[in-house]
Protein backbone atom coordinates (compact mmCIF):
# COMPACT_ATOMS: atom_id res chain seq x y z
CA MET A 1 1.40 -3.50 -18.74
CA ALA A 2 0.63 -0.44 -20.83
CA LEU A 3 2.43 2.63 -19.57
CA ASN A 4 -0.66 4.85 -19.54
CA GLN A 5 -3.25 2.29 -18.53
CA ALA A 6 -5.80 3.35 -15.90
CA PHE A 7 -5.60 1.41 -12.65
CA TYR A 8 -7.34 -1.95 -12.90
CA PRO A 9 -7.95 -3.76 -9.57
CA GLN A 10 -7.02 -7.44 -9.66
CA ALA A 11 -7.67 -8.48 -6.08
CA ASN A 12 -9.91 -7.64 -3.15
CA THR A 13 -9.07 -4.55 -1.12
CA THR A 14 -7.49 -5.05 2.30
CA ASN A 15 -7.29 -2.44 5.04
CA VAL A 16 -5.54 -1.57 8.27
CA ALA A 17 -6.36 0.97 10.97
CA ILE A 18 -4.03 3.96 11.09
CA ASN A 19 -2.58 4.50 14.56
CA ASN A 20 0.40 6.12 16.23
CA VAL A 21 2.05 2.68 16.36
CA SER A 22 3.09 0.94 13.14
CA ALA A 23 0.66 -1.70 11.89
CA ASN A 24 0.73 -3.73 8.71
CA VAL A 25 -1.56 -5.72 6.47
CA GLN A 26 -0.91 -8.45 3.93
CA VAL A 27 -1.86 -7.39 0.42
CA ASN A 28 -3.47 -9.83 -1.99
CA ILE A 29 -0.56 -11.04 -4.09
CA LEU A 30 -0.80 -11.60 -7.82
CA THR A 31 0.33 -15.09 -8.80
CA GLY A 32 1.07 -16.46 -12.23
CA GLY A 33 0.06 -14.86 -15.48
CA ALA A 34 1.65 -12.01 -17.36
CA GLY A 35 3.82 -9.85 -15.17
CA ALA A 36 4.42 -12.48 -12.50
CA GLY A 37 7.80 -11.80 -10.98
CA THR A 38 8.12 -8.34 -12.51
CA GLY A 39 6.34 -6.14 -9.98
CA TYR A 40 2.85 -4.71 -9.79
CA GLN A 41 0.95 -1.72 -8.53
CA VAL A 42 -0.72 -1.14 -5.18
CA ARG A 43 -3.33 1.60 -4.88
CA LEU A 44 -3.38 3.10 -1.38
CA TYR A 45 -6.16 5.28 -0.01
CA ASN A 46 -5.43 7.18 3.22
CA ASN A 47 -8.87 8.15 4.51
CA SER A 48 -7.55 9.79 7.67
CA THR A 49 -7.16 13.47 8.48
CA SER A 50 -3.46 12.93 9.24
CA THR A 51 -0.41 12.37 7.08
CA ALA A 52 0.17 8.62 6.95
CA PHE A 53 3.66 7.17 6.53
CA VAL A 54 3.85 3.89 4.61
CA ALA A 55 6.48 1.21 4.03
CA PHE A 56 6.41 -1.91 1.86
CA GLY A 57 8.00 -5.25 2.69
CA SER A 58 8.10 -8.95 1.96
CA SER A 59 7.16 -10.10 5.46
CA SER A 60 4.98 -9.18 8.41
CA SER A 61 8.04 -7.68 10.10
CA VAL A 62 7.85 -4.53 7.94
CA VAL A 63 7.50 -1.40 10.10
CA ALA A 64 6.56 2.15 9.09
CA SER A 65 8.32 5.12 10.66
CA LEU A 66 7.28 8.74 11.18
CA THR A 67 10.76 9.88 10.16
CA THR A 68 11.87 7.59 7.32
CA SER A 69 8.79 6.12 5.63
CA LEU A 70 6.98 7.50 2.59
CA PRO A 71 4.42 10.20 3.55
CA MET A 72 0.90 10.20 2.12
CA ALA A 73 -1.23 13.32 2.41
CA PRO A 74 -4.49 13.15 4.39
CA ASN A 75 -7.47 11.87 2.39
CA SER A 76 -5.30 11.00 -0.60
CA VAL A 77 -5.02 8.18 -3.12
CA GLU A 78 -1.70 7.10 -4.62
CA VAL A 79 -0.60 4.19 -6.81
CA PHE A 80 2.83 2.66 -6.22
CA THR A 81 4.79 0.16 -8.27
CA VAL A 82 6.36 -2.37 -5.91
CA PRO A 83 8.52 -5.47 -6.41
CA TYR A 84 6.59 -8.66 -7.06
CA GLN A 85 7.38 -10.25 -3.70
CA THR A 86 6.14 -7.26 -1.73
CA ASN A 87 3.51 -8.91 0.46
CA TYR A 88 2.89 -6.31 3.18
CA VAL A 89 2.25 -2.62 3.59
CA ALA A 90 2.82 -0.92 6.95
CA VAL A 91 1.42 2.42 8.10
CA ILE A 92 1.82 4.84 10.99
CA ALA A 93 0.63 8.40 11.70
CA ALA A 94 1.31 10.93 14.43
CA ALA A 95 -2.30 10.59 15.60
CA ALA A 96 -4.65 7.62 15.55
CA GLY A 97 -7.71 7.61 13.35
CA GLY A 98 -8.69 6.53 9.87
CA THR A 99 -7.95 3.57 7.66
CA LEU A 100 -5.42 2.73 4.98
CA TYR A 101 -6.99 0.75 2.11
CA ALA A 102 -4.71 -1.27 -0.19
CA THR A 103 -5.74 -2.72 -3.55
CA VAL A 104 -3.42 -4.70 -5.83
CA GLY A 105 -3.76 -4.20 -9.55
CA GLU A 106 -2.18 -2.86 -12.71
CA GLY A 107 -1.92 0.64 -14.10
CA MET A 108 -1.67 4.18 -12.89
């Protein structure tokens, strides 16, 4: 992966409703090819009016927390590099409303 490459989606976008209880969604995992086993990027779009707190994990047991998970500003887009076997993203917010969209790809 080029260090300054624009984000290039490599899978369909998945989404999960943002609520005041943690929920998660399986992201479309990259398999094979260059970069397999080395990590990849996930572009997250928080289209809610609340700060969303996200956590990444390798199973559906991953849970996001209002106190310890990574905060995302309302109506923001961020790209994260995650380990290759990260299969799930979890999200929670103080108030229900909105959607978290997750797209796997490469780049910033």
